[in-house]
PDB file of N, CA and C in Angstrom:
ATOM      1  N   MET A   1      90.933   9.205 -32.201  1.00  0.00           N
ATOM      2  CA  MET A   1      89.872  10.002 -32.776  1.00  0.00           C
ATOM      3  C   MET A   1      88.965   9.156 -33.665  1.00  0.00           C
ATOM      4  N   ILE A   2      89.554   8.215 -34.417  1.00  0.00           N
ATOM      5  CA  ILE A   2      88.753   7.372 -35.291  1.00  0.00           C
ATOM      6  C   ILE A   2      87.767   6.541 -34.471  1.00  0.00           C
ATOM      7  N   ARG A   3      88.220   5.984 -33.348  1.00  0.00           N
ATOM      8  CA  ARG A   3      87.344   5.172 -32.505  1.00  0.00           C
ATOM      9  C   ARG A   3      86.210   6.026 -31.960  1.00  0.00           C
ATOM     10  N   LYS A   4      86.498   7.236 -31.543  1.00  0.00           N
ATOM     11  CA  LYS A   4      85.461   8.124 -31.012  1.00  0.00           C
ATOM     12  C   LYS A   4      84.438   8.454 -32.098  1.00  0.00           C
ATOM     13  N   ASP A   5      84.896   8.742 -33.299  1.00  0.00           N
ATOM     14  CA  ASP A   5      83.986   9.025 -34.413  1.00  0.00           C
ATOM     15  C   ASP A   5      83.123   7.810 -34.717  1.00  0.00           C
ATOM     16  N   TRP A   6      83.743   6.640 -34.737  1.00  0.00           N
ATOM     17  CA  TRP A   6      83.017   5.405 -35.002  1.00  0.00           C
ATOM     18  C   TRP A   6      81.946   5.188 -33.941  1.00  0.00           C
ATOM     19  N   LEU A   7      82.315   5.380 -32.689  1.00  0.00           N
ATOM     20  CA  LEU A   7      81.382   5.167 -31.593  1.00  0.00           C
ATOM     21  C   LEU A   7      80.226   6.166 -31.645  1.00  0.00           C
ATOM     22  N   GLU A   8      80.511   7.408 -31.965  1.00  0.00           N
ATOM     23  CA  GLU A   8      79.448   8.418 -32.061  1.00  0.00           C
ATOM     24  C   GLU A   8      78.472   8.088 -33.188  1.00  0.00           C
ATOM     25  N   ARG A   9      78.996   7.668 -34.342  1.00  0.00           N
ATOM     26  CA  ARG A   9      78.116   7.277 -35.457  1.00  0.00           C
ATOM     27  C   ARG A   9      77.292   6.052 -35.097  1.00  0.00           C
ATOM     28  N   LEU A  10      77.928   5.111 -34.435  1.00  0.00           N
ATOM     29  CA  LEU A  10      77.235   3.898 -34.028  1.00  0.00           C
ATOM     30  C   LEU A  10      76.093   4.226 -33.060  1.00  0.00           C
ATOM     31  N   ILE A  11      76.353   5.082 -32.109  1.00  0.00           N
ATOM     32  CA  ILE A  11      75.317   5.458 -31.139  1.00  0.00           C
ATOM     33  C   ILE A  11      74.153   6.143 -31.834  1.00  0.00           C
ATOM     34  N   GLU A  12      74.440   7.009 -32.793  1.00  0.00           N
ATOM     35  CA  GLU A  12      73.371   7.670 -33.540  1.00  0.00           C
ATOM     36  C   GLU A  12      72.532   6.657 -34.307  1.00  0.00           C
ATOM     37  N   GLN A  13      73.191   5.705 -34.944  1.00  0.00           N
ATOM     38  CA  GLN A  13      72.472   4.672 -35.695  1.00  0.00           C
ATOM     39  C   GLN A  13      71.641   3.803 -34.759  1.00  0.00           C
ATOM     40  N   LEU A  14      72.231   3.419 -33.640  1.00  0.00           N
ATOM     41  CA  LEU A  14      71.512   2.605 -32.667  1.00  0.00           C
ATOM     42  C   LEU A  14      70.286   3.336 -32.144  1.00  0.00           C
ATOM     43  N   ALA A  15      70.456   4.598 -31.812  1.00  0.00           N
ATOM     44  CA  ALA A  15      69.337   5.380 -31.285  1.00  0.00           C
ATOM     45  C   ALA A  15      68.203   5.458 -32.288  1.00  0.00           C
ATOM     46  N   SER A  16      68.523   5.626 -33.544  1.00  0.00           N
ATOM     47  CA  SER A  16      67.502   5.707 -34.584  1.00  0.00           C
ATOM     48  C   SER A  16      66.713   4.405 -34.689  1.00  0.00           C
ATOM     49  N   VAL A  17      67.415   3.287 -34.703  1.00  0.00           N
ATOM     50  CA  VAL A  17      66.738   2.002 -34.822  1.00  0.00           C
ATOM     51  C   VAL A  17      65.962   1.676 -33.551  1.00  0.00           C
ATOM     52  N   VAL A  18      66.518   2.017 -32.403  1.00  0.00           N
ATOM     53  CA  VAL A  18      65.812   1.767 -31.136  1.00  0.00           C
ATOM     54  C   VAL A  18      64.521   2.576 -31.085  1.00  0.00           C
ATOM     55  N   ARG A  19      64.563   3.822 -31.540  1.00  0.00           N
ATOM     56  CA  ARG A  19      63.326   4.635 -31.587  1.00  0.00           C
ATOM     57  C   ARG A  19      62.285   3.970 -32.479  1.00  0.00           C
ATOM     58  N   LYS A  20      62.732   3.469 -33.609  1.00  0.00           N
ATOM     59  CA  LYS A  20      61.820   2.791 -34.538  1.00  0.00           C
ATOM     60  C   LYS A  20      61.252   1.527 -33.882  1.00  0.00           C
ATOM     61  N   ALA A  21      62.082   0.780 -33.182  1.00  0.00           N
ATOM     62  CA  ALA A  21      61.624  -0.443 -32.504  1.00  0.00           C
ATOM     63  C   ALA A  21      60.588  -0.116 -31.438  1.00  0.00           C
ATOM     64  N   PHE A  22      60.828   0.939 -30.663  1.00  0.00           N
ATOM     65  CA  PHE A  22      59.851   1.331 -29.640  1.00  0.00           C
ATOM     66  C   PHE A  22      58.537   1.755 -30.292  1.00  0.00           C
ATOM     67  N   GLY A  23      58.620   2.432 -31.428  1.00  0.00           N
ATOM     68  CA  GLY A  23      57.418   2.828 -32.154  1.00  0.00           C
ATOM     69  C   GLY A  23      56.617   1.615 -32.597  1.00  0.00           C
ATOM     70  N   LEU A  24      57.306   0.615 -33.140  1.00  0.00           N
ATOM     71  CA  LEU A  24      56.630  -0.618 -33.542  1.00  0.00           C
ATOM     72  C   LEU A  24      55.974  -1.299 -32.345  1.00  0.00           C
ATOM     73  N   ALA A  25      56.707  -1.367 -31.241  1.00  0.00           N
ATOM     74  CA  ALA A  25      56.166  -2.009 -30.043  1.00  0.00           C
ATOM     75  C   ALA A  25      54.924  -1.276 -29.539  1.00  0.00           C
ATOM     76  N   GLN A  26      54.952   0.048 -29.568  1.00  0.00           N
ATOM     77  CA  GLN A  26      53.795   0.828 -29.122  1.00  0.00           C
ATOM     78  C   GLN A  26      52.588   0.609 -30.025  1.00  0.00           C
ATOM     79  N   GLN A  27      52.841   0.284 -31.286  1.00  0.00           N
ATOM     80  CA  GLN A  27      51.760   0.003 -32.227  1.00  0.00           C
ATOM     81  C   GLN A  27      51.288  -1.447 -32.114  1.00  0.00           C
ATOM     82  N   GLY A  28      51.892  -2.199 -31.222  1.00  0.00           N
ATOM     83  CA  GLY A  28      51.505  -3.589 -31.014  1.00  0.00           C
ATOM     84  C   GLY A  28      52.313  -4.599 -31.801  1.00  0.00           C
ATOM     85  N   ASP A  29      53.301  -4.150 -32.544  1.00  0.00           N
ATOM     86  CA  ASP A  29      54.128  -5.051 -33.341  1.00  0.00           C
ATOM     87  C   ASP A  29      55.428  -5.362 -32.597  1.00  0.00           C
ATOM     88  N   VAL A  30      55.306  -6.112 -31.501  1.00  0.00           N
ATOM     89  CA  VAL A  30      56.469  -6.451 -30.686  1.00  0.00           C
ATOM     90  C   VAL A  30      57.432  -7.323 -31.480  1.00  0.00           C
ATOM     91  N   GLU A  31      56.914  -8.259 -32.260  1.00  0.00           N
ATOM     92  CA  GLU A  31      57.785  -9.134 -33.049  1.00  0.00           C
ATOM     93  C   GLU A  31      58.573  -8.329 -34.085  1.00  0.00           C
ATOM     94  N   GLY A  32      57.944  -7.325 -34.680  1.00  0.00           N
ATOM     95  CA  GLY A  32      58.660  -6.460 -35.612  1.00  0.00           C
ATOM     96  C   GLY A  32      59.779  -5.713 -34.916  1.00  0.00           C
ATOM     97  N   ALA A  33      59.504  -5.248 -33.698  1.00  0.00           N
ATOM     98  CA  ALA A  33      60.529  -4.554 -32.913  1.00  0.00           C
ATOM     99  C   ALA A  33      61.687  -5.496 -32.607  1.00  0.00           C
ATOM    100  N   LEU A  34      61.361  -6.743 -32.247  1.00  0.00           N
ATOM    101  CA  LEU A  34      62.410  -7.713 -31.931  1.00  0.00           C
ATOM    102  C   LEU A  34      63.261  -8.037 -33.154  1.00  0.00           C
ATOM    103  N   ARG A  35      62.654  -8.038 -34.334  1.00  0.00           N
ATOM    104  CA  ARG A  35      63.434  -8.261 -35.566  1.00  0.00           C
ATOM    105  C   ARG A  35      64.440  -7.120 -35.781  1.00  0.00           C
ATOM    106  N   LEU A  36      64.025  -5.899 -35.455  1.00  0.00           N
ATOM    107  CA  LEU A  36      64.960  -4.770 -35.578  1.00  0.00           C
ATOM    108  C   LEU A  36      66.145  -4.935 -34.631  1.00  0.00           C
ATOM    109  N   PHE A  37      65.871  -5.388 -33.417  1.00  0.00           N
ATOM    110  CA  PHE A  37      66.968  -5.620 -32.474  1.00  0.00           C
ATOM    111  C   PHE A  37      67.898  -6.709 -33.005  1.00  0.00           C
ATOM    112  N   GLU A  38      67.332  -7.757 -33.569  1.00  0.00           N
ATOM    113  CA  GLU A  38      68.161  -8.823 -34.148  1.00  0.00           C
ATOM    114  C   GLU A  38      69.052  -8.260 -35.250  1.00  0.00           C
ATOM    115  N   ASP A  39      68.498  -7.380 -36.081  1.00  0.00           N
ATOM    116  CA  ASP A  39      69.300  -6.748 -37.136  1.00  0.00           C
ATOM    117  C   ASP A  39      70.451  -5.930 -36.538  1.00  0.00           C
ATOM    118  N   LEU A  40      70.168  -5.249 -35.433  1.00  0.00           N
ATOM    119  CA  LEU A  40      71.223  -4.471 -34.772  1.00  0.00           C
ATOM    120  C   LEU A  40      72.343  -5.379 -34.280  1.00  0.00           C
ATOM    121  N   TYR A  41      71.964  -6.482 -33.647  1.00  0.00           N
ATOM    122  CA  TYR A  41      72.992  -7.409 -33.171  1.00  0.00           C
ATOM    123  C   TYR A  41      73.843  -7.907 -34.337  1.00  0.00           C
ATOM    124  N   ARG A  42      73.172  -8.292 -35.422  1.00  0.00           N
ATOM    125  CA  ARG A  42      73.907  -8.797 -36.582  1.00  0.00           C
ATOM    126  C   ARG A  42      74.843  -7.736 -37.157  1.00  0.00           C
ATOM    127  N   SER A  43      74.400  -6.466 -37.125  1.00  0.00           N
ATOM    128  CA  SER A  43      75.266  -5.399 -37.641  1.00  0.00           C
ATOM    129  C   SER A  43      76.535  -5.247 -36.807  1.00  0.00           C
ATOM    130  N   LEU A  44      76.480  -5.742 -35.570  1.00  0.00           N
ATOM    131  CA  LEU A  44      77.650  -5.709 -34.696  1.00  0.00           C
ATOM    132  C   LEU A  44      78.389  -7.054 -34.690  1.00  0.00           C
ATOM    133  N   GLY A  45      77.959  -7.951 -35.570  1.00  0.00           N
ATOM    134  CA  GLY A  45      78.680  -9.204 -35.734  1.00  0.00           C
ATOM    135  C   GLY A  45      78.314 -10.304 -34.762  1.00  0.00           C
ATOM    136  N   VAL A  46      77.138 -10.227 -34.171  1.00  0.00           N
ATOM    137  CA  VAL A  46      76.707 -11.271 -33.237  1.00  0.00           C
ATOM    138  C   VAL A  46      75.222 -11.541 -33.471  1.00  0.00           C
ATOM    139  N   GLY A  47      74.847 -12.791 -33.470  1.00  0.00           N
ATOM    140  CA  GLY A  47      73.442 -13.140 -33.657  1.00  0.00           C
ATOM    141  C   GLY A  47      72.772 -13.464 -32.341  1.00  0.00           C
ATOM    142  N   ARG A  48      71.473 -13.509 -32.376  1.00  0.00           N
ATOM    143  CA  ARG A  48      70.681 -13.830 -31.177  1.00  0.00           C
ATOM    144  C   ARG A  48      71.097 -15.179 -30.603  1.00  0.00           C
ATOM    145  N   GLU A  49      71.304 -16.168 -31.488  1.00  0.00           N
ATOM    146  CA  GLU A  49      71.673 -17.505 -31.017  1.00  0.00           C
ATOM    147  C   GLU A  49      72.966 -17.462 -30.200  1.00  0.00           C
ATOM    148  N   THR A  50      73.921 -16.697 -30.661  1.00  0.00           N
ATOM    149  CA  THR A  50      75.188 -16.569 -29.928  1.00  0.00           C
ATOM    150  C   THR A  50      74.957 -15.922 -28.574  1.00  0.00           C
ATOM    151  N   LEU A  51      74.155 -14.868 -28.545  1.00  0.00           N
ATOM    152  CA  LEU A  51      73.873 -14.184 -27.279  1.00  0.00           C
ATOM    153  C   LEU A  51      73.201 -15.110 -26.274  1.00  0.00           C
ATOM    154  N   GLU A  52      72.384 -16.015 -26.775  1.00  0.00           N
ATOM    155  CA  GLU A  52      71.641 -16.900 -25.882  1.00  0.00           C
ATOM    156  C   GLU A  52      72.439 -18.121 -25.441  1.00  0.00           C
ATOM    157  N   LYS A  53      73.438 -18.519 -26.219  1.00  0.00           N
ATOM    158  CA  LYS A  53      74.138 -19.776 -25.923  1.00  0.00           C
ATOM    159  C   LYS A  53      75.534 -19.608 -25.343  1.00  0.00           C
ATOM    160  N   VAL A  54      76.163 -18.476 -25.583  1.00  0.00           N
ATOM    161  CA  VAL A  54      77.553 -18.293 -25.151  1.00  0.00           C
ATOM    162  C   VAL A  54      77.579 -17.586 -23.795  1.00  0.00           C
ATOM    163  N   ASP A  55      78.447 -18.055 -22.918  1.00  0.00           N
ATOM    164  CA  ASP A  55      78.520 -17.450 -21.586  1.00  0.00           C
ATOM    165  C   ASP A  55      79.057 -16.014 -21.683  1.00  0.00           C
ATOM    166  N   PRO A  56      78.696 -15.165 -20.702  1.00  0.00           N
ATOM    167  CA  PRO A  56      79.065 -13.749 -20.750  1.00  0.00           C
ATOM    168  C   PRO A  56      80.570 -13.485 -20.861  1.00  0.00           C
ATOM    169  N   ALA A  57      81.380 -14.261 -20.186  1.00  0.00           N
ATOM    170  CA  ALA A  57      82.836 -14.038 -20.254  1.00  0.00           C
ATOM    171  C   ALA A  57      83.349 -14.261 -21.679  1.00  0.00           C
ATOM    172  N   THR A  58      82.858 -15.295 -22.327  1.00  0.00           N
ATOM    173  CA  THR A  58      83.262 -15.572 -23.699  1.00  0.00           C
ATOM    174  C   THR A  58      82.728 -14.492 -24.633  1.00  0.00           C
ATOM    175  N   LEU A  59      81.487 -14.062 -24.387  1.00  0.00           N
ATOM    176  CA  LEU A  59      80.924 -12.978 -25.198  1.00  0.00           C
ATOM    177  C   LEU A  59      81.772 -11.722 -25.103  1.00  0.00           C
ATOM    178  N   LEU A  60      82.213 -11.387 -23.908  1.00  0.00           N
ATOM    179  CA  LEU A  60      83.069 -10.207 -23.734  1.00  0.00           C
ATOM    180  C   LEU A  60      84.322 -10.315 -24.589  1.00  0.00           C
ATOM    181  N   THR A  61      84.927 -11.478 -24.589  1.00  0.00           N
ATOM    182  CA  THR A  61      86.126 -11.692 -25.394  1.00  0.00           C
ATOM    183  C   THR A  61      85.803 -11.591 -26.875  1.00  0.00           C
ATOM    184  N   MET A  62      84.706 -12.224 -27.286  1.00  0.00           N
ATOM    185  CA  MET A  62      84.317 -12.220 -28.697  1.00  0.00           C
ATOM    186  C   MET A  62      83.983 -10.812 -29.185  1.00  0.00           C
ATOM    187  N   LEU A  63      83.275 -10.051 -28.360  1.00  0.00           N
ATOM    188  CA  LEU A  63      82.770  -8.745 -28.785  1.00  0.00           C
ATOM    189  C   LEU A  63      83.798  -7.635 -28.686  1.00  0.00           C
ATOM    190  N   GLY A  64      84.695  -7.715 -27.724  1.00  0.00           N
ATOM    191  CA  GLY A  64      85.689  -6.649 -27.559  1.00  0.00           C
ATOM    192  C   GLY A  64      85.012  -5.296 -27.390  1.00  0.00           C
ATOM    193  N   ASP A  65      85.369  -4.333 -28.260  1.00  0.00           N
ATOM    194  CA  ASP A  65      84.815  -2.977 -28.181  1.00  0.00           C
ATOM    195  C   ASP A  65      83.314  -2.917 -28.463  1.00  0.00           C
ATOM    196  N   ARG A  66      82.784  -3.969 -29.027  1.00  0.00           N
ATOM    197  CA  ARG A  66      81.353  -3.979 -29.357  1.00  0.00           C
ATOM    198  C   ARG A  66      80.485  -4.398 -28.178  1.00  0.00           C
ATOM    199  N   ALA A  67      81.106  -4.798 -27.057  1.00  0.00           N
ATOM    200  CA  ALA A  67      80.334  -5.270 -25.900  1.00  0.00           C
ATOM    201  C   ALA A  67      79.415  -4.183 -25.353  1.00  0.00           C
ATOM    202  N   GLU A  68      79.911  -2.959 -25.258  1.00  0.00           N
ATOM    203  CA  GLU A  68      79.086  -1.878 -24.709  1.00  0.00           C
ATOM    204  C   GLU A  68      77.881  -1.559 -25.587  1.00  0.00           C
ATOM    205  N   PRO A  69      78.055  -1.420 -26.920  1.00  0.00           N
ATOM    206  CA  PRO A  69      76.863  -1.207 -27.754  1.00  0.00           C
ATOM    207  C   PRO A  69      75.867  -2.364 -27.669  1.00  0.00           C
ATOM    208  N   VAL A  70      76.372  -3.586 -27.613  1.00  0.00           N
ATOM    209  CA  VAL A  70      75.462  -4.733 -27.487  1.00  0.00           C
ATOM    210  C   VAL A  70      74.711  -4.659 -26.162  1.00  0.00           C
ATOM    211  N   ALA A  71      75.395  -4.263 -25.100  1.00  0.00           N
ATOM    212  CA  ALA A  71      74.730  -4.125 -23.801  1.00  0.00           C
ATOM    213  C   ALA A  71      73.624  -3.063 -23.863  1.00  0.00           C
ATOM    214  N   LEU A  72      73.870  -1.976 -24.568  1.00  0.00           N
ATOM    215  CA  LEU A  72      72.840  -0.940 -24.720  1.00  0.00           C
ATOM    216  C   LEU A  72      71.631  -1.468 -25.486  1.00  0.00           C
ATOM    217  N   ILE A  73      71.881  -2.235 -26.527  1.00  0.00           N
ATOM    218  CA  ILE A  73      70.782  -2.801 -27.311  1.00  0.00           C
ATOM    219  C   ILE A  73      69.999  -3.794 -26.462  1.00  0.00           C
ATOM    220  N   LEU A  74      70.703  -4.629 -25.711  1.00  0.00           N
ATOM    221  CA  LEU A  74      70.025  -5.592 -24.837  1.00  0.00           C
ATOM    222  C   LEU A  74      69.105  -4.885 -23.842  1.00  0.00           C
ATOM    223  N   THR A  75      69.569  -3.774 -23.297  1.00  0.00           N
ATOM    224  CA  THR A  75      68.765  -3.022 -22.336  1.00  0.00           C
ATOM    225  C   THR A  75      67.521  -2.451 -23.000  1.00  0.00           C
ATOM    226  N   ALA A  76      67.679  -1.903 -24.193  1.00  0.00           N
ATOM    227  CA  ALA A  76      66.524  -1.354 -24.914  1.00  0.00           C
ATOM    228  C   ALA A  76      65.538  -2.460 -25.267  1.00  0.00           C
ATOM    229  N   GLU A  77      66.051  -3.596 -25.700  1.00  0.00           N
ATOM    230  CA  GLU A  77      65.178  -4.722 -26.022  1.00  0.00           C
ATOM    231  C   GLU A  77      64.446  -5.198 -24.764  1.00  0.00           C
ATOM    232  N   ALA A  78      65.143  -5.214 -23.648  1.00  0.00           N
ATOM    233  CA  ALA A  78      64.509  -5.606 -22.385  1.00  0.00           C
ATOM    234  C   ALA A  78      63.351  -4.669 -22.044  1.00  0.00           C
ATOM    235  N   ASP A  79      63.528  -3.386 -22.302  1.00  0.00           N
ATOM    236  CA  ASP A  79      62.447  -2.430 -22.038  1.00  0.00           C
ATOM    237  C   ASP A  79      61.220  -2.724 -22.892  1.00  0.00           C
ATOM    238  N   VAL A  80      61.444  -3.070 -24.161  1.00  0.00           N
ATOM    239  CA  VAL A  80      60.330  -3.424 -25.051  1.00  0.00           C
ATOM    240  C   VAL A  80      59.635  -4.683 -24.546  1.00  0.00           C
ATOM    241  N   LEU A  81      60.421  -5.673 -24.160  1.00  0.00           N
ATOM    242  CA  LEU A  81      59.844  -6.922 -23.673  1.00  0.00           C
ATOM    243  C   LEU A  81      59.057  -6.701 -22.381  1.00  0.00           C
ATOM    244  N   ALA A  82      59.592  -5.890 -21.491  1.00  0.00           N
ATOM    245  CA  ALA A  82      58.890  -5.609 -20.238  1.00  0.00           C
ATOM    246  C   ALA A  82      57.561  -4.914 -20.510  1.00  0.00           C
ATOM    247  N   ALA A  83      57.572  -3.964 -21.435  1.00  0.00           N
ATOM    248  CA  ALA A  83      56.333  -3.254 -21.779  1.00  0.00           C
ATOM    249  C   ALA A  83      55.309  -4.197 -22.403  1.00  0.00           C
ATOM    250  N   ALA A  84      55.791  -5.270 -23.019  1.00  0.00           N
ATOM    251  CA  ALA A  84      54.900  -6.257 -23.640  1.00  0.00           C
ATOM    252  C   ALA A  84      54.483  -7.340 -22.640  1.00  0.00           C
ATOM    253  N   GLY A  85      54.900  -7.200 -21.385  1.00  0.00           N
ATOM    254  CA  GLY A  85      54.520  -8.158 -20.359  1.00  0.00           C
ATOM    255  C   GLY A  85      55.407  -9.386 -20.280  1.00  0.00           C
ATOM    256  N   ARG A  86      56.541  -9.355 -20.934  1.00  0.00           N
ATOM    257  CA  ARG A  86      57.454 -10.494 -20.939  1.00  0.00           C
ATOM    258  C   ARG A  86      58.604 -10.236 -19.968  1.00  0.00           C
ATOM    259  N   GLU A  87      58.246 -10.125 -18.693  1.00  0.00           N
ATOM    260  CA  GLU A  87      59.197  -9.756 -17.642  1.00  0.00           C
ATOM    261  C   GLU A  87      60.359 -10.734 -17.497  1.00  0.00           C
ATOM    262  N   ALA A  88      60.091 -12.032 -17.606  1.00  0.00           N
ATOM    263  CA  ALA A  88      61.177 -13.010 -17.442  1.00  0.00           C
ATOM    264  C   ALA A  88      62.233 -12.834 -18.535  1.00  0.00           C
ATOM    265  N   ASP A  89      61.775 -12.632 -19.769  1.00  0.00           N
ATOM    266  CA  ASP A  89      62.715 -12.399 -20.862  1.00  0.00           C
ATOM    267  C   ASP A  89      63.470 -11.089 -20.662  1.00  0.00           C
ATOM    268  N   ALA A  90      62.752 -10.064 -20.225  1.00  0.00           N
ATOM    269  CA  ALA A  90      63.377  -8.761 -19.987  1.00  0.00           C
ATOM    270  C   ALA A  90      64.453  -8.863 -18.912  1.00  0.00           C
ATOM    271  N   LYS A  91      64.156  -9.592 -17.846  1.00  0.00           N
ATOM    272  CA  LYS A  91      65.119  -9.741 -16.747  1.00  0.00           C
ATOM    273  C   LYS A  91      66.384 -10.454 -17.232  1.00  0.00           C
ATOM    274  N   ARG A  92      66.201 -11.492 -18.040  1.00  0.00           N
ATOM    275  CA  ARG A  92      67.343 -12.235 -18.573  1.00  0.00           C
ATOM    276  C   ARG A  92      68.248 -11.333 -19.412  1.00  0.00           C
ATOM    277  N   LEU A  93      67.631 -10.498 -20.266  1.00  0.00           N
ATOM    278  CA  LEU A  93      68.428  -9.595 -21.102  1.00  0.00           C
ATOM    279  C   LEU A  93      69.119  -8.522 -20.277  1.00  0.00           C
ATOM    280  N   ARG A  94      68.429  -8.012 -19.259  1.00  0.00           N
ATOM    281  CA  ARG A  94      69.057  -6.992 -18.395  1.00  0.00           C
ATOM    282  C   ARG A  94      70.269  -7.567 -17.658  1.00  0.00           C
ATOM    283  N   THR A  95      70.145  -8.800 -17.216  1.00  0.00           N
ATOM    284  CA  THR A  95      71.267  -9.455 -16.529  1.00  0.00           C
ATOM    285  C   THR A  95      72.463  -9.587 -17.465  1.00  0.00           C
ATOM    286  N   LEU A  96      72.209 -10.042 -18.684  1.00  0.00           N
ATOM    287  CA  LEU A  96      73.298 -10.171 -19.656  1.00  0.00           C
ATOM    288  C   LEU A  96      73.890  -8.802 -19.989  1.00  0.00           C
ATOM    289  N   ALA A  97      73.043  -7.803 -20.146  1.00  0.00           N
ATOM    290  CA  ALA A  97      73.536  -6.444 -20.441  1.00  0.00           C
ATOM    291  C   ALA A  97      74.464  -5.952 -19.341  1.00  0.00           C
ATOM    292  N   ALA A  98      74.075  -6.199 -18.093  1.00  0.00           N
ATOM    293  CA  ALA A  98      74.901  -5.766 -16.964  1.00  0.00           C
ATOM    294  C   ALA A  98      76.248  -6.499 -16.972  1.00  0.00           C
ATOM    295  N   GLN A  99      76.230  -7.773 -17.322  1.00  0.00           N
ATOM    296  CA  GLN A  99      77.474  -8.535 -17.366  1.00  0.00           C
ATOM    297  C   GLN A  99      78.392  -8.043 -18.488  1.00  0.00           C
ATOM    298  N   LEU A 100      77.811  -7.665 -19.627  1.00  0.00           N
ATOM    299  CA  LEU A 100      78.620  -7.175 -20.737  1.00  0.00           C
ATOM    300  C   LEU A 100      79.132  -5.757 -20.479  1.00  0.00           C
ATOM    301  N   ALA A 101      78.397  -4.989 -19.711  1.00  0.00           N
ATOM    302  CA  ALA A 101      78.808  -3.615 -19.433  1.00  0.00           C
ATOM    303  C   ALA A 101      79.972  -3.574 -18.448  1.00  0.00           C
ATOM    304  N   ARG A 102      80.182  -4.637 -17.703  1.00  0.00           N
ATOM    305  CA  ARG A 102      81.280  -4.701 -16.719  1.00  0.00           C
ATOM    306  C   ARG A 102      82.520  -5.268 -17.362  1.00  0.00           C
ATOM    307  N   ARG A 103      83.167  -4.452 -18.138  1.00  0.00           N
ATOM    308  CA  ARG A 103      84.396  -4.902 -18.814  1.00  0.00           C
ATOM    309  C   ARG A 103      85.562  -4.845 -17.847  1.00  0.00           C
ATOM    310  N   PRO A 104      86.434  -5.841 -17.927  1.00  0.00           N
ATOM    311  CA  PRO A 104      87.620  -5.852 -17.036  1.00  0.00           C
ATOM    312  C   PRO A 104      88.581  -4.725 -17.363  1.00  0.00           C
TER     313      PRO A 104
END
């Protein structure tokens, strides 16, 4: 029950910040939106540098139960990047999100 409560609170918090990030992106502040995503990653104990440098299998091990929330954030960030015309970056994040969502 504690894990379910934690996950529900986490999803609510993530949704709130993601909405704010999309709002910033729609106002033309894509970099501000990306900073919010970075804050979300850090709140889950992983930084952007780690996400970019560590292979997906190692990330899965490092993140454990946090892999799914990180995958959701990566997908939302990819949507912001795609809307900003940064398709290559968006594709890279979507690929990583898919790899993190496939837990063994």
